[in-house]
Amino acid sequence: ALAAGRSLTGAVRAVAGHDLHIETPDEVLLLDTRLTAGWPLRRAGPHAVSDLPTTAVRSPVEAPEPLF
């Protein structure tokens, strides 16, 4: 799961509305993009199959407060 100061890298496998289904080496995650407003995105590394930004980095300063 995403935690403050951590990063997540994975492949986007599906998009449905506001949701991204991201496959990581360990699991498949459902990411609600409405909750990630303001998170900086970095492009995937050279080993990625596309140049789409698939890495979200969250830090306490940059991340919005949770809705719940």
N, C-alpha and C. Protein backbone atom coordinates (compact mmCIF):
# COMPACT_ATOMS: atom_id res chain seq x y z
N ALA A 1 0.83 -1.18 0.00
CA ALA A 1 0.00 0.00 0.00
C ALA A 1 0.88 1.25 0.00
N LEU A 2 0.33 2.34 -0.40
CA LEU A 2 1.07 3.59 -0.41
C LEU A 2 1.19 4.14 1.00
N ALA A 3 2.35 4.64 1.32
CA ALA A 3 2.57 5.24 2.63
C ALA A 3 3.37 6.51 2.43
N ALA A 4 3.29 7.40 3.38
CA ALA A 4 4.02 8.67 3.28
C ALA A 4 5.50 8.41 3.08
N GLY A 5 6.08 9.11 2.11
CA GLY A 5 7.50 8.99 1.84
C GLY A 5 7.89 7.79 1.01
N ARG A 6 6.95 6.96 0.63
CA ARG A 6 7.23 5.77 -0.16
C ARG A 6 6.83 6.00 -1.61
N SER A 7 7.26 5.12 -2.47
CA SER A 7 6.84 5.23 -3.87
C SER A 7 6.27 3.89 -4.32
N LEU A 8 5.53 3.94 -5.39
CA LEU A 8 4.89 2.77 -5.96
C LEU A 8 5.22 2.73 -7.44
N THR A 9 5.68 1.59 -7.89
CA THR A 9 5.95 1.43 -9.31
C THR A 9 5.19 0.21 -9.80
N GLY A 10 4.51 0.37 -10.90
CA GLY A 10 3.77 -0.75 -11.46
C GLY A 10 3.27 -0.42 -12.84
N ALA A 11 2.63 -1.40 -13.44
CA ALA A 11 2.07 -1.24 -14.78
C ALA A 11 0.57 -1.01 -14.68
N VAL A 12 0.08 -0.02 -15.40
CA VAL A 12 -1.36 0.23 -15.44
C VAL A 12 -1.97 -0.84 -16.34
N ARG A 13 -2.85 -1.66 -15.77
CA ARG A 13 -3.47 -2.75 -16.51
C ARG A 13 -4.88 -2.42 -16.99
N ALA A 14 -5.54 -1.49 -16.31
CA ALA A 14 -6.90 -1.10 -16.71
C ALA A 14 -7.22 0.26 -16.14
N VAL A 15 -8.09 0.98 -16.83
CA VAL A 15 -8.57 2.28 -16.36
C VAL A 15 -10.09 2.24 -16.43
N ALA A 16 -10.73 2.61 -15.31
CA ALA A 16 -12.19 2.63 -15.26
C ALA A 16 -12.61 3.87 -14.49
N GLY A 17 -13.08 4.88 -15.21
CA GLY A 17 -13.47 6.12 -14.54
C GLY A 17 -12.28 6.76 -13.85
N HIS A 18 -12.39 6.94 -12.54
CA HIS A 18 -11.31 7.54 -11.76
C HIS A 18 -10.31 6.50 -11.27
N ASP A 19 -10.56 5.23 -11.53
CA ASP A 19 -9.75 4.15 -10.97
C ASP A 19 -8.68 3.67 -11.94
N LEU A 20 -7.50 3.44 -11.41
CA LEU A 20 -6.42 2.79 -12.14
C LEU A 20 -6.16 1.44 -11.49
N HIS A 21 -6.07 0.40 -12.29
CA HIS A 21 -5.70 -0.91 -11.78
C HIS A 21 -4.22 -1.07 -12.10
N ILE A 22 -3.40 -1.10 -11.05
CA ILE A 22 -1.95 -1.11 -11.21
C ILE A 22 -1.40 -2.44 -10.72
N GLU A 23 -0.63 -3.10 -11.57
CA GLU A 23 0.00 -4.36 -11.21
C GLU A 23 1.44 -4.08 -10.76
N THR A 24 1.76 -4.45 -9.53
CA THR A 24 3.11 -4.32 -9.00
C THR A 24 3.72 -5.72 -8.94
N PRO A 25 4.99 -5.85 -8.60
CA PRO A 25 5.57 -7.19 -8.48
C PRO A 25 4.87 -8.05 -7.43
N ASP A 26 4.24 -7.43 -6.44
CA ASP A 26 3.64 -8.18 -5.34
C ASP A 26 2.13 -8.33 -5.39
N GLU A 27 1.44 -7.40 -6.05
CA GLU A 27 -0.02 -7.40 -5.99
C GLU A 27 -0.61 -6.53 -7.08
N VAL A 28 -1.92 -6.59 -7.21
CA VAL A 28 -2.65 -5.69 -8.10
C VAL A 28 -3.40 -4.71 -7.21
N LEU A 29 -3.24 -3.42 -7.48
CA LEU A 29 -3.84 -2.37 -6.66
C LEU A 29 -4.90 -1.61 -7.43
N LEU A 30 -5.89 -1.14 -6.72
CA LEU A 30 -6.90 -0.25 -7.28
C LEU A 30 -6.60 1.13 -6.71
N LEU A 31 -6.25 2.07 -7.57
CA LEU A 31 -5.88 3.42 -7.14
C LEU A 31 -6.96 4.40 -7.60
N ASP A 32 -7.61 5.04 -6.66
CA ASP A 32 -8.63 6.05 -6.96
C ASP A 32 -7.90 7.37 -7.17
N THR A 33 -7.88 7.85 -8.40
CA THR A 33 -7.09 9.04 -8.72
C THR A 33 -7.65 10.31 -8.08
N ARG A 34 -8.90 10.28 -7.63
CA ARG A 34 -9.45 11.45 -6.94
C ARG A 34 -8.74 11.69 -5.61
N LEU A 35 -8.15 10.64 -5.05
CA LEU A 35 -7.46 10.76 -3.77
C LEU A 35 -5.98 11.08 -3.93
N THR A 36 -5.49 11.16 -5.16
CA THR A 36 -4.07 11.43 -5.40
C THR A 36 -3.82 12.80 -6.01
N ALA A 37 -4.79 13.68 -5.94
CA ALA A 37 -4.62 15.03 -6.49
C ALA A 37 -3.41 15.69 -5.83
N GLY A 38 -2.53 16.23 -6.64
CA GLY A 38 -1.35 16.91 -6.12
C GLY A 38 -0.14 16.01 -5.97
N TRP A 39 -0.27 14.72 -6.18
CA TRP A 39 0.89 13.84 -6.07
C TRP A 39 1.75 14.03 -7.32
N PRO A 40 3.05 14.16 -7.17
CA PRO A 40 3.90 14.27 -8.36
C PRO A 40 4.05 12.91 -9.03
N LEU A 41 4.05 12.90 -10.34
CA LEU A 41 4.27 11.67 -11.09
C LEU A 41 5.62 11.74 -11.78
N ARG A 42 6.32 10.62 -11.80
CA ARG A 42 7.58 10.52 -12.52
C ARG A 42 7.42 9.49 -13.61
N ARG A 43 8.13 9.67 -14.69
CA ARG A 43 8.06 8.70 -15.77
C ARG A 43 8.69 7.39 -15.32
N ALA A 44 8.16 6.31 -15.87
CA ALA A 44 8.69 5.00 -15.57
C ALA A 44 10.11 4.89 -16.11
N GLY A 45 10.87 3.98 -15.57
CA GLY A 45 12.26 3.80 -15.96
C GLY A 45 12.39 3.26 -17.37
N PRO A 46 13.62 3.13 -17.85
CA PRO A 46 13.86 2.70 -19.23
C PRO A 46 13.38 1.28 -19.51
N HIS A 47 13.15 0.47 -18.47
CA HIS A 47 12.70 -0.90 -18.66
C HIS A 47 11.19 -0.99 -18.89
N ALA A 48 10.48 0.12 -18.76
CA ALA A 48 9.02 0.12 -18.89
C ALA A 48 8.60 -0.12 -20.34
N VAL A 49 7.41 -0.66 -20.49
CA VAL A 49 6.92 -0.96 -21.84
C VAL A 49 6.33 0.26 -22.51
N SER A 50 6.12 1.34 -21.78
CA SER A 50 5.63 2.58 -22.39
C SER A 50 6.27 3.75 -21.67
N ASP A 51 6.02 4.96 -22.18
CA ASP A 51 6.57 6.13 -21.52
C ASP A 51 5.50 6.84 -20.68
N LEU A 52 4.39 6.15 -20.40
CA LEU A 52 3.36 6.75 -19.55
C LEU A 52 3.86 6.85 -18.11
N PRO A 53 3.49 7.90 -17.41
CA PRO A 53 3.92 8.00 -16.01
C PRO A 53 3.18 6.96 -15.16
N THR A 54 3.93 6.04 -14.57
CA THR A 54 3.31 4.99 -13.78
C THR A 54 3.87 4.92 -12.37
N THR A 55 4.60 5.92 -11.96
CA THR A 55 5.15 5.93 -10.61
C THR A 55 4.61 7.14 -9.87
N ALA A 56 3.91 6.90 -8.79
CA ALA A 56 3.40 7.99 -7.95
C ALA A 56 4.23 8.05 -6.68
N VAL A 57 4.65 9.21 -6.31
CA VAL A 57 5.44 9.39 -5.09
C VAL A 57 4.64 10.24 -4.14
N ARG A 58 4.51 9.77 -2.92
CA ARG A 58 3.74 10.51 -1.93
C ARG A 58 4.64 10.87 -0.76
N SER A 59 4.63 12.11 -0.39
CA SER A 59 5.36 12.54 0.80
C SER A 59 4.39 13.31 1.68
N PRO A 60 4.66 13.43 2.97
CA PRO A 60 3.72 14.12 3.86
C PRO A 60 3.44 15.56 3.43
N VAL A 61 4.41 16.22 2.83
CA VAL A 61 4.23 17.62 2.45
C VAL A 61 3.40 17.74 1.18
N GLU A 62 3.61 16.83 0.23
CA GLU A 62 2.98 16.93 -1.08
C GLU A 62 1.60 16.30 -1.15
N ALA A 63 1.30 15.35 -0.27
CA ALA A 63 0.05 14.61 -0.37
C ALA A 63 -1.09 15.33 0.33
N PRO A 64 -2.27 15.27 -0.27
CA PRO A 64 -3.43 15.87 0.38
C PRO A 64 -3.87 15.02 1.57
N GLU A 65 -4.63 15.61 2.45
CA GLU A 65 -5.16 14.87 3.59
C GLU A 65 -6.19 13.86 3.11
N PRO A 66 -6.27 12.70 3.75
CA PRO A 66 -7.29 11.72 3.37
C PRO A 66 -8.70 12.28 3.57
N LEU A 67 -9.62 11.79 2.76
CA LEU A 67 -11.00 12.25 2.89
C LEU A 67 -11.69 11.67 4.12
N PHE A 68 -11.28 10.48 4.55
CA PHE A 68 -11.91 9.82 5.69
C PHE A 68 -10.90 9.48 6.76
